[in-house]
Amino acid sequence: MAGAPPAPQTLPLAPGLYLVSTPIGAARDITLRALDVLASADVLAAEDTRTLRHLMEIHGIAVGDRPLIACHDHNEAQVSPRIVKAIAEGKSVAYASEAGTPMVSDPGFPLARAVIAEGLPVTAAPGPSAAICALTLAGLPTDRFLFAGFAPTQKSARRSFLQELAPIPATLVLYESPKRINQLLEECCETLGEGRKIALCRELTKRFEEVLRGTVAEVRQAICGRDMKGEIVLVIGRGEKVVSDAATVEAALEKALEEMTVKDAAAAVAEAFGLPRREVYQLALQRGKG
């Protein structure tokens, strides 16, 4: 067929662990090299074996009689020695996350670390990542960015998390559940300020892909009352340098003490303003007694 991509090649692979990035939505986003690795590896390992098997079927790659091992958050520590042993015996092992890049809020770190610890080769077949995809679509500066993963689910921990991120002079990239996105945006308004620029990216590379850009307040209003679905990446523009005058610090500490213990509030405010933790702790103690 004219213009059709070349069929995956079955080529000899040197022994080692091959970290394979898989599509976050559109199946054709996988790279040709990733397909070659999946076609050639002696052993296949995956966060979700059903998802990997389906992806391989789409691209005409047979599992055949090769081992297909489930390796995810709940069993990675137990499965890793088996994979390390296979590599030590001269096997090539391809590891794929369910979607995206292994170790970017996905399993793979204990496995890669175990292989590295034995002095065995680790390489990557790079490709899709929701964080990078969202960053390219957000319309916010990309010269310096910080991937912060998922925000904590507990309210006080999430507030502390945002306070720590607030002064960082970089674009921030977070993952969030559609069930918690409204609460996260509400706390972003309180912690980062309503006027901070953000982009909410949803269902990336899929049929209903959506990117909402604006201030925190504008995006929060745009999704108010909506039944949000699909995975969400929140990209947050860089903040201004925080001025640590006494009144500003005291106001931040007072707000933190409403939600946290004295110790946690002092730690969060000290981190946010770049101040010695002991000094802020003493101030928090005084205000706590008041």
C-alpha atoms as a PDB file:
ATOM      1  CA  MET A   1       0.000   0.000   0.000  1.00  0.00           C
ATOM      2  CA  ALA A   2       1.471   3.346  -1.045  1.00  0.00           C
ATOM      3  CA  GLY A   3       2.461   5.526   1.884  1.00  0.00           C
ATOM      4  CA  ALA A   4       1.984   2.779   4.467  1.00  0.00           C
ATOM      5  CA  PRO A   5       4.553   2.725   7.280  1.00  0.00           C
ATOM      6  CA  PRO A   6       7.143  -0.043   7.106  1.00  0.00           C
ATOM      7  CA  ALA A   7       6.297  -3.242   8.962  1.00  0.00           C
ATOM      8  CA  PRO A   8       8.023  -3.712  12.319  1.00  0.00           C
ATOM      9  CA  GLN A   9      11.403  -5.368  11.932  1.00  0.00           C
ATOM     10  CA  THR A  10      12.510  -8.356  13.958  1.00  0.00           C
ATOM     11  CA  LEU A  11      16.142  -7.603  14.648  1.00  0.00           C
ATOM     12  CA  PRO A  12      18.614  -9.086  17.107  1.00  0.00           C
ATOM     13  CA  LEU A  13      18.554  -7.072  20.321  1.00  0.00           C
ATOM     14  CA  ALA A  14      21.472  -6.981  22.720  1.00  0.00           C
ATOM     15  CA  PRO A  15      20.675  -8.212  26.238  1.00  0.00           C
ATOM     16  CA  GLY A  16      19.224  -5.498  28.446  1.00  0.00           C
ATOM     17  CA  LEU A  17      16.115  -3.667  29.580  1.00  0.00           C
ATOM     18  CA  TYR A  18      14.321  -1.583  26.940  1.00  0.00           C
ATOM     19  CA  LEU A  19      11.908   1.007  28.367  1.00  0.00           C
ATOM     20  CA  VAL A  20       9.221   1.481  25.724  1.00  0.00           C
ATOM     21  CA  SER A  21       6.943   4.534  25.618  1.00  0.00           C
ATOM     22  CA  THR A  22       3.430   3.758  24.396  1.00  0.00           C
ATOM     23  CA  PRO A  23       0.637   6.014  23.046  1.00  0.00           C
ATOM     24  CA  ILE A  24      -1.449   8.042  25.502  1.00  0.00           C
ATOM     25  CA  GLY A  25      -4.393   7.905  23.103  1.00  0.00           C
ATOM     26  CA  ALA A  26      -3.864   7.613  19.361  1.00  0.00           C
ATOM     27  CA  ALA A  27      -2.369   4.183  18.646  1.00  0.00           C
ATOM     28  CA  ARG A  28      -0.340   5.513  15.688  1.00  0.00           C
ATOM     29  CA  ASP A  29       1.687   7.795  17.963  1.00  0.00           C
ATOM     30  CA  ILE A  30       4.021   4.920  18.783  1.00  0.00           C
ATOM     31  CA  THR A  31       7.470   5.178  17.216  1.00  0.00           C
ATOM     32  CA  LEU A  32       8.844   2.795  14.608  1.00  0.00           C
ATOM     33  CA  ARG A  33      11.739   1.942  16.918  1.00  0.00           C
ATOM     34  CA  ALA A  34       9.330   1.071  19.737  1.00  0.00           C
ATOM     35  CA  LEU A  35       7.526  -1.317  17.376  1.00  0.00           C
ATOM     36  CA  ASP A  36      10.837  -2.899  16.365  1.00  0.00           C
ATOM     37  CA  VAL A  37      11.742  -3.423  20.039  1.00  0.00           C
ATOM     38  CA  LEU A  38       8.351  -4.976  20.797  1.00  0.00           C
ATOM     39  CA  ALA A  39       8.705  -7.258  17.771  1.00  0.00           C
ATOM     40  CA  SER A  40      12.249  -8.315  18.662  1.00  0.00           C
ATOM     41  CA  ALA A  41      12.516  -8.577  22.451  1.00  0.00           C
ATOM     42  CA  ASP A  42      12.957 -12.026  23.951  1.00  0.00           C
ATOM     43  CA  VAL A  43      10.708 -11.152  26.890  1.00  0.00           C
ATOM     44  CA  LEU A  44       7.819  -8.688  27.125  1.00  0.00           C
ATOM     45  CA  ALA A  45       6.816  -6.978  30.366  1.00  0.00           C
ATOM     46  CA  ALA A  46       4.003  -4.505  30.834  1.00  0.00           C
ATOM     47  CA  GLU A  47       2.091  -2.504  33.405  1.00  0.00           C
ATOM     48  CA  ASP A  48      -1.075  -3.932  31.797  1.00  0.00           C
ATOM     49  CA  THR A  49      -0.531  -7.022  29.648  1.00  0.00           C
ATOM     50  CA  ARG A  50      -3.955  -6.731  28.002  1.00  0.00           C
ATOM     51  CA  THR A  51      -3.254  -3.171  26.855  1.00  0.00           C
ATOM     52  CA  LEU A  52       0.142  -4.117  25.447  1.00  0.00           C
ATOM     53  CA  ARG A  53      -1.241  -7.187  23.700  1.00  0.00           C
ATOM     54  CA  HIS A  54      -3.983  -5.059  22.083  1.00  0.00           C
ATOM     55  CA  LEU A  55      -1.468  -2.414  20.970  1.00  0.00           C
ATOM     56  CA  MET A  56       0.722  -5.075  19.411  1.00  0.00           C
ATOM     57  CA  GLU A  57      -2.269  -6.586  17.606  1.00  0.00           C
ATOM     58  CA  ILE A  58      -3.133  -3.176  16.135  1.00  0.00           C
ATOM     59  CA  HIS A  59       0.372  -2.950  14.691  1.00  0.00           C
ATOM     60  CA  GLY A  60       0.569  -6.541  13.512  1.00  0.00           C
ATOM     61  CA  ILE A  61       3.049  -7.809  16.088  1.00  0.00           C
ATOM     62  CA  ALA A  62       2.547 -11.306  17.487  1.00  0.00           C
ATOM     63  CA  VAL A  63       3.428 -12.135  21.068  1.00  0.00           C
ATOM     64  CA  GLY A  64       4.020 -15.700  19.941  1.00  0.00           C
ATOM     65  CA  ASP A  65       5.529 -17.969  22.543  1.00  0.00           C
ATOM     66  CA  ARG A  66       7.461 -15.174  24.236  1.00  0.00           C
ATOM     67  CA  PRO A  67       6.890 -14.618  27.978  1.00  0.00           C
ATOM     68  CA  LEU A  68       4.506 -11.702  28.697  1.00  0.00           C
ATOM     69  CA  ILE A  69       4.966 -10.586  32.298  1.00  0.00           C
ATOM     70  CA  ALA A  70       2.725  -8.230  34.285  1.00  0.00           C
ATOM     71  CA  CYS A  71       4.861  -5.675  36.140  1.00  0.00           C
ATOM     72  CA  HIS A  72       2.971  -2.918  37.955  1.00  0.00           C
ATOM     73  CA  ASP A  73       2.867  -0.938  41.193  1.00  0.00           C
ATOM     74  CA  HIS A  74       1.541  -3.869  43.213  1.00  0.00           C
ATOM     75  CA  ASN A  75       4.043  -6.541  42.149  1.00  0.00           C
ATOM     76  CA  GLU A  76       7.075  -4.706  40.736  1.00  0.00           C
ATOM     77  CA  ALA A  77       9.300  -5.487  43.711  1.00  0.00           C
ATOM     78  CA  GLN A  78       8.518  -9.207  43.408  1.00  0.00           C
ATOM     79  CA  VAL A  79       8.746  -9.404  39.596  1.00  0.00           C
ATOM     80  CA  SER A  80      11.936  -7.359  39.140  1.00  0.00           C
ATOM     81  CA  PRO A  81      14.334 -10.166  40.232  1.00  0.00           C
ATOM     82  CA  ARG A  82      12.826 -12.465  37.596  1.00  0.00           C
ATOM     83  CA  ILE A  83      13.429  -9.880  34.887  1.00  0.00           C
ATOM     84  CA  VAL A  84      16.940  -9.105  36.134  1.00  0.00           C
ATOM     85  CA  LYS A  85      17.714 -12.832  36.001  1.00  0.00           C
ATOM     86  CA  ALA A  86      16.485 -13.056  32.398  1.00  0.00           C
ATOM     87  CA  ILE A  87      18.706 -10.152  31.344  1.00  0.00           C
ATOM     88  CA  ALA A  88      21.704 -11.615  33.186  1.00  0.00           C
ATOM     89  CA  GLU A  89      21.145 -14.826  31.210  1.00  0.00           C
ATOM     90  CA  GLY A  90      21.417 -12.901  27.937  1.00  0.00           C
ATOM     91  CA  LYS A  91      17.786 -11.991  27.247  1.00  0.00           C
ATOM     92  CA  SER A  92      16.412  -8.701  25.935  1.00  0.00           C
ATOM     93  CA  VAL A  93      13.371  -7.446  27.872  1.00  0.00           C
ATOM     94  CA  ALA A  94      10.945  -4.779  26.635  1.00  0.00           C
ATOM     95  CA  TYR A  95       8.988  -3.013  29.372  1.00  0.00           C
ATOM     96  CA  ALA A  96       5.956  -0.843  28.497  1.00  0.00           C
ATOM     97  CA  SER A  97       3.688   1.241  30.719  1.00  0.00           C
ATOM     98  CA  GLU A  98      -0.055   1.212  30.110  1.00  0.00           C
ATOM     99  CA  ALA A  99       0.176   4.598  28.389  1.00  0.00           C
ATOM    100  CA  GLY A 100       3.021   7.066  28.078  1.00  0.00           C
ATOM    101  CA  THR A 101       6.580   6.840  29.337  1.00  0.00           C
ATOM    102  CA  PRO A 102       7.646   4.396  32.057  1.00  0.00           C
ATOM    103  CA  MET A 103       8.538   6.086  35.348  1.00  0.00           C
ATOM    104  CA  VAL A 104       6.757   9.377  34.517  1.00  0.00           C
ATOM    105  CA  SER A 105       3.979   8.805  37.090  1.00  0.00           C
ATOM    106  CA  ASP A 106       4.025   5.190  35.913  1.00  0.00           C
ATOM    107  CA  PRO A 107       5.758   2.029  37.168  1.00  0.00           C
ATOM    108  CA  GLY A 108       9.269   1.119  36.089  1.00  0.00           C
ATOM    109  CA  PHE A 109      11.570   2.786  38.591  1.00  0.00           C
ATOM    110  CA  PRO A 110      12.203  -0.214  40.921  1.00  0.00           C
ATOM    111  CA  LEU A 111      12.729  -2.405  37.859  1.00  0.00           C
ATOM    112  CA  ALA A 112      15.168  -0.021  36.168  1.00  0.00           C
ATOM    113  CA  ARG A 113      17.033   0.535  39.425  1.00  0.00           C
ATOM    114  CA  ALA A 114      17.334  -3.221  40.016  1.00  0.00           C
ATOM    115  CA  VAL A 115      18.759  -3.752  36.527  1.00  0.00           C
ATOM    116  CA  ILE A 116      21.191  -0.841  36.906  1.00  0.00           C
ATOM    117  CA  ALA A 117      22.315  -2.132  40.318  1.00  0.00           C
ATOM    118  CA  GLU A 118      23.417  -5.386  38.667  1.00  0.00           C
ATOM    119  CA  GLY A 119      25.461  -3.462  36.094  1.00  0.00           C
ATOM    120  CA  LEU A 120      23.191  -4.570  33.252  1.00  0.00           C
ATOM    121  CA  PRO A 121      22.232  -2.364  30.281  1.00  0.00           C
ATOM    122  CA  VAL A 122      19.151  -0.118  30.338  1.00  0.00           C
ATOM    123  CA  THR A 123      18.028   1.892  27.331  1.00  0.00           C
ATOM    124  CA  ALA A 124      14.855   3.652  26.206  1.00  0.00           C
ATOM    125  CA  ALA A 125      12.674   3.769  23.128  1.00  0.00           C
ATOM    126  CA  PRO A 126      11.334   7.274  23.850  1.00  0.00           C
ATOM    127  CA  GLY A 127       7.985   8.526  22.728  1.00  0.00           C
ATOM    128  CA  PRO A 128       4.627   9.803  24.036  1.00  0.00           C
ATOM    129  CA  SER A 129       4.304  11.584  27.372  1.00  0.00           C
ATOM    130  CA  ALA A 130       1.186  13.414  28.558  1.00  0.00           C
ATOM    131  CA  ALA A 131       3.329  15.937  30.439  1.00  0.00           C
ATOM    132  CA  ILE A 132       5.361  16.952  27.381  1.00  0.00           C
ATOM    133  CA  CYS A 133       2.320  16.890  25.107  1.00  0.00           C
ATOM    134  CA  ALA A 134       0.442  19.274  27.433  1.00  0.00           C
ATOM    135  CA  LEU A 135       3.466  21.527  27.777  1.00  0.00           C
ATOM    136  CA  THR A 136       3.647  21.960  24.007  1.00  0.00           C
ATOM    137  CA  LEU A 137      -0.049  22.852  23.802  1.00  0.00           C
ATOM    138  CA  ALA A 138      -0.347  25.138  26.824  1.00  0.00           C
ATOM    139  CA  GLY A 139       1.058  28.304  25.290  1.00  0.00           C
ATOM    140  CA  LEU A 140       3.181  28.901  28.393  1.00  0.00           C
ATOM    141  CA  PRO A 141       6.983  29.236  28.637  1.00  0.00           C
ATOM    142  CA  THR A 142       8.844  25.965  28.062  1.00  0.00           C
ATOM    143  CA  ASP A 143      12.441  27.070  28.635  1.00  0.00           C
ATOM    144  CA  ARG A 144      12.221  25.900  32.251  1.00  0.00           C
ATOM    145  CA  PHE A 145       9.585  23.582  33.653  1.00  0.00           C
ATOM    146  CA  LEU A 146       8.982  21.271  36.601  1.00  0.00           C
ATOM    147  CA  PHE A 147       6.966  18.060  36.422  1.00  0.00           C
ATOM    148  CA  ALA A 148       5.309  17.714  39.830  1.00  0.00           C
ATOM    149  CA  GLY A 149       3.227  14.576  39.233  1.00  0.00           C
ATOM    150  CA  PHE A 150      -0.077  14.116  41.076  1.00  0.00           C
ATOM    151  CA  ALA A 151      -1.101  16.521  43.825  1.00  0.00           C
ATOM    152  CA  PRO A 152      -1.772  14.840  47.200  1.00  0.00           C
ATOM    153  CA  THR A 153      -5.377  13.811  47.783  1.00  0.00           C
ATOM    154  CA  GLN A 154      -5.535  15.021  51.390  1.00  0.00           C
ATOM    155  CA  LYS A 155      -6.498  18.705  51.597  1.00  0.00           C
ATOM    156  CA  SER A 156      -3.827  19.980  54.002  1.00  0.00           C
ATOM    157  CA  ALA A 157      -1.085  18.048  52.180  1.00  0.00           C
ATOM    158  CA  ARG A 158      -2.318  19.402  48.848  1.00  0.00           C
ATOM    159  CA  ARG A 159      -2.259  22.976  50.164  1.00  0.00           C
ATOM    160  CA  SER A 160       1.289  22.494  51.439  1.00  0.00           C
ATOM    161  CA  PHE A 161       2.238  20.972  48.070  1.00  0.00           C
ATOM    162  CA  LEU A 162       0.941  24.041  46.209  1.00  0.00           C
ATOM    163  CA  GLN A 163       2.601  26.464  48.625  1.00  0.00           C
ATOM    164  CA  GLU A 164       5.943  24.778  47.985  1.00  0.00           C
ATOM    165  CA  LEU A 165       5.450  25.051  44.226  1.00  0.00           C
ATOM    166  CA  ALA A 166       4.156  28.636  44.237  1.00  0.00           C
ATOM    167  CA  PRO A 167       7.490  30.517  44.191  1.00  0.00           C
ATOM    168  CA  ILE A 168       9.342  28.215  41.802  1.00  0.00           C
ATOM    169  CA  PRO A 169      10.399  30.260  38.731  1.00  0.00           C
ATOM    170  CA  ALA A 170       9.329  27.638  36.208  1.00  0.00           C
ATOM    171  CA  THR A 171       6.244  26.409  34.394  1.00  0.00           C
ATOM    172  CA  LEU A 172       4.644  23.645  36.463  1.00  0.00           C
ATOM    173  CA  VAL A 173       3.085  20.450  35.090  1.00  0.00           C
ATOM    174  CA  LEU A 174       0.670  18.432  37.268  1.00  0.00           C
ATOM    175  CA  TYR A 175      -1.563  15.423  36.730  1.00  0.00           C
ATOM    176  CA  GLU A 176      -5.019  15.344  38.287  1.00  0.00           C
ATOM    177  CA  SER A 177      -8.149  13.213  38.418  1.00  0.00           C
ATOM    178  CA  PRO A 178     -11.344  14.677  36.912  1.00  0.00           C
ATOM    179  CA  LYS A 179     -12.985  14.008  40.292  1.00  0.00           C
ATOM    180  CA  ARG A 180     -10.569  16.334  42.086  1.00  0.00           C
ATOM    181  CA  ILE A 181      -9.820  18.988  39.479  1.00  0.00           C
ATOM    182  CA  ASN A 182     -12.388  21.460  40.855  1.00  0.00           C
ATOM    183  CA  GLN A 183     -10.918  21.251  44.357  1.00  0.00           C
ATOM    184  CA  LEU A 184      -7.409  21.640  42.961  1.00  0.00           C
ATOM    185  CA  LEU A 185      -8.358  24.769  41.001  1.00  0.00           C
ATOM    186  CA  GLU A 186     -10.086  26.216  44.046  1.00  0.00           C
ATOM    187  CA  GLU A 187      -6.923  25.780  46.075  1.00  0.00           C
ATOM    188  CA  CYS A 188      -4.809  27.136  43.214  1.00  0.00           C
ATOM    189  CA  CYS A 189      -6.916  30.316  43.405  1.00  0.00           C
ATOM    190  CA  GLU A 190      -6.167  30.601  47.125  1.00  0.00           C
ATOM    191  CA  THR A 191      -2.511  29.582  47.016  1.00  0.00           C
ATOM    192  CA  LEU A 192      -1.207  30.687  43.611  1.00  0.00           C
ATOM    193  CA  GLY A 193      -3.586  33.572  42.982  1.00  0.00           C
ATOM    194  CA  GLU A 194      -6.614  33.856  40.691  1.00  0.00           C
ATOM    195  CA  GLY A 195      -4.663  35.688  37.998  1.00  0.00           C
ATOM    196  CA  ARG A 196      -1.960  33.110  37.405  1.00  0.00           C
ATOM    197  CA  LYS A 197      -1.968  31.742  33.852  1.00  0.00           C
ATOM    198  CA  ILE A 198      -2.770  28.072  33.388  1.00  0.00           C
ATOM    199  CA  ALA A 199      -3.839  25.543  30.766  1.00  0.00           C
ATOM    200  CA  LEU A 200      -6.072  22.586  31.522  1.00  0.00           C
ATOM    201  CA  CYS A 201      -5.411  19.793  29.016  1.00  0.00           C
ATOM    202  CA  ARG A 202      -7.808  16.858  28.839  1.00  0.00           C
ATOM    203  CA  GLU A 203      -8.031  13.646  26.780  1.00  0.00           C
ATOM    204  CA  LEU A 204      -4.795  14.434  24.948  1.00  0.00           C
ATOM    205  CA  THR A 205      -4.441  12.880  21.453  1.00  0.00           C
ATOM    206  CA  LYS A 206      -7.936  11.377  21.773  1.00  0.00           C
ATOM    207  CA  ARG A 207     -11.167  12.216  19.959  1.00  0.00           C
ATOM    208  CA  PHE A 208     -12.403  14.690  22.562  1.00  0.00           C
ATOM    209  CA  GLU A 209      -9.084  16.434  23.220  1.00  0.00           C
ATOM    210  CA  GLU A 210      -9.612  19.778  24.916  1.00  0.00           C
ATOM    211  CA  VAL A 211      -7.305  22.564  26.072  1.00  0.00           C
ATOM    212  CA  LEU A 212      -8.662  25.409  28.218  1.00  0.00           C
ATOM    213  CA  ARG A 213      -6.324  28.380  28.595  1.00  0.00           C
ATOM    214  CA  GLY A 214      -6.642  31.447  30.797  1.00  0.00           C
ATOM    215  CA  THR A 215      -6.202  32.527  34.394  1.00  0.00           C
ATOM    216  CA  VAL A 216      -6.890  30.139  37.256  1.00  0.00           C
ATOM    217  CA  ALA A 217     -10.178  31.949  37.897  1.00  0.00           C
ATOM    218  CA  GLU A 218     -11.227  31.828  34.234  1.00  0.00           C
ATOM    219  CA  VAL A 219     -10.515  28.121  33.813  1.00  0.00           C
ATOM    220  CA  ARG A 220     -12.179  27.333  37.115  1.00  0.00           C
ATOM    221  CA  GLN A 221     -15.294  29.175  35.948  1.00  0.00           C
ATOM    222  CA  ALA A 222     -15.183  27.430  32.554  1.00  0.00           C
ATOM    223  CA  ILE A 223     -15.432  23.947  34.111  1.00  0.00           C
ATOM    224  CA  CYS A 224     -17.833  24.886  36.909  1.00  0.00           C
ATOM    225  CA  GLY A 225     -20.749  22.455  36.841  1.00  0.00           C
ATOM    226  CA  ARG A 226     -19.235  20.301  34.107  1.00  0.00           C
ATOM    227  CA  ASP A 227     -18.921  16.537  34.444  1.00  0.00           C
ATOM    228  CA  MET A 228     -15.237  16.281  33.602  1.00  0.00           C
ATOM    229  CA  LYS A 229     -13.961  13.006  32.185  1.00  0.00           C
ATOM    230  CA  GLY A 230     -10.599  11.656  31.078  1.00  0.00           C
ATOM    231  CA  GLU A 231      -7.086  12.192  32.296  1.00  0.00           C
ATOM    232  CA  ILE A 232      -6.149  15.811  33.005  1.00  0.00           C
ATOM    233  CA  VAL A 233      -2.808  17.600  32.824  1.00  0.00           C
ATOM    234  CA  LEU A 234      -2.687  21.038  34.436  1.00  0.00           C
ATOM    235  CA  VAL A 235       0.051  23.371  33.215  1.00  0.00           C
ATOM    236  CA  ILE A 236       0.696  26.379  35.464  1.00  0.00           C
ATOM    237  CA  GLY A 237       2.646  29.459  34.414  1.00  0.00           C
ATOM    238  CA  ARG A 238       5.644  30.489  36.449  1.00  0.00           C
ATOM    239  CA  GLY A 239       5.113  32.618  39.528  1.00  0.00           C
ATOM    240  CA  GLU A 240       6.660  35.872  40.510  1.00  0.00           C
ATOM    241  CA  LYS A 241       9.370  35.956  43.130  1.00  0.00           C
ATOM    242  CA  VAL A 242       7.724  36.091  46.537  1.00  0.00           C
ATOM    243  CA  VAL A 243       8.511  39.177  48.594  1.00  0.00           C
ATOM    244  CA  SER A 244       9.118  37.994  52.112  1.00  0.00           C
ATOM    245  CA  ASP A 245       8.216  41.089  54.127  1.00  0.00           C
ATOM    246  CA  ALA A 246       6.969  40.411  57.655  1.00  0.00           C
ATOM    247  CA  ALA A 247       3.318  41.185  56.922  1.00  0.00           C
ATOM    248  CA  THR A 248       3.223  38.822  53.914  1.00  0.00           C
ATOM    249  CA  VAL A 249       4.861  35.990  55.840  1.00  0.00           C
ATOM    250  CA  GLU A 250       2.533  36.434  58.816  1.00  0.00           C
ATOM    251  CA  ALA A 251      -0.535  36.450  56.566  1.00  0.00           C
ATOM    252  CA  ALA A 252       0.605  33.253  54.831  1.00  0.00           C
ATOM    253  CA  LEU A 253       1.353  31.629  58.181  1.00  0.00           C
ATOM    254  CA  GLU A 254      -2.045  32.567  59.592  1.00  0.00           C
ATOM    255  CA  LYS A 255      -3.779  30.970  56.589  1.00  0.00           C
ATOM    256  CA  ALA A 256      -1.609  27.861  56.826  1.00  0.00           C
ATOM    257  CA  LEU A 257      -2.375  27.447  60.528  1.00  0.00           C
ATOM    258  CA  GLU A 258      -6.077  27.209  59.687  1.00  0.00           C
ATOM    259  CA  GLU A 259      -5.441  23.937  57.856  1.00  0.00           C
ATOM    260  CA  MET A 260      -2.222  22.511  59.311  1.00  0.00           C
ATOM    261  CA  THR A 261      -0.408  21.789  62.529  1.00  0.00           C
ATOM    262  CA  VAL A 262       2.090  24.366  63.752  1.00  0.00           C
ATOM    263  CA  LYS A 263       4.987  22.221  62.530  1.00  0.00           C
ATOM    264  CA  ASP A 264       3.538  21.628  59.059  1.00  0.00           C
ATOM    265  CA  ALA A 265       2.460  25.249  58.641  1.00  0.00           C
ATOM    266  CA  ALA A 266       5.915  26.513  59.592  1.00  0.00           C
ATOM    267  CA  ALA A 267       7.598  24.077  57.204  1.00  0.00           C
ATOM    268  CA  ALA A 268       5.318  25.039  54.296  1.00  0.00           C
ATOM    269  CA  VAL A 269       5.721  28.795  54.786  1.00  0.00           C
ATOM    270  CA  ALA A 270       9.483  28.545  55.323  1.00  0.00           C
ATOM    271  CA  GLU A 271       9.819  26.581  52.078  1.00  0.00           C
ATOM    272  CA  ALA A 272       7.565  28.955  50.139  1.00  0.00           C
ATOM    273  CA  PHE A 273       9.436  32.086  51.216  1.00  0.00           C
ATOM    274  CA  GLY A 274      12.933  30.650  51.413  1.00  0.00           C
ATOM    275  CA  LEU A 275      13.233  31.402  55.148  1.00  0.00           C
ATOM    276  CA  PRO A 276      14.911  29.479  57.969  1.00  0.00           C
ATOM    277  CA  ARG A 277      12.457  26.879  59.243  1.00  0.00           C
ATOM    278  CA  ARG A 278      13.344  27.447  62.900  1.00  0.00           C
ATOM    279  CA  GLU A 279      12.504  31.162  62.716  1.00  0.00           C
ATOM    280  CA  VAL A 280       9.164  30.528  61.077  1.00  0.00           C
ATOM    281  CA  TYR A 281       8.419  27.762  63.587  1.00  0.00           C
ATOM    282  CA  GLN A 282       8.978  30.144  66.488  1.00  0.00           C
ATOM    283  CA  LEU A 283       6.664  32.678  64.833  1.00  0.00           C
ATOM    284  CA  ALA A 284       4.058  29.954  64.308  1.00  0.00           C
ATOM    285  CA  LEU A 285       4.270  28.969  67.969  1.00  0.00           C
ATOM    286  CA  GLN A 286       3.634  32.565  69.015  1.00  0.00           C
ATOM    287  CA  ARG A 287       0.636  32.891  66.713  1.00  0.00           C
ATOM    288  CA  GLY A 288      -0.658  29.474  67.798  1.00  0.00           C
ATOM    289  CA  LYS A 289      -0.651  30.607  71.431  1.00  0.00           C
ATOM    290  CA  GLY A 290      -2.416  33.807  70.456  1.00  0.00           C
END
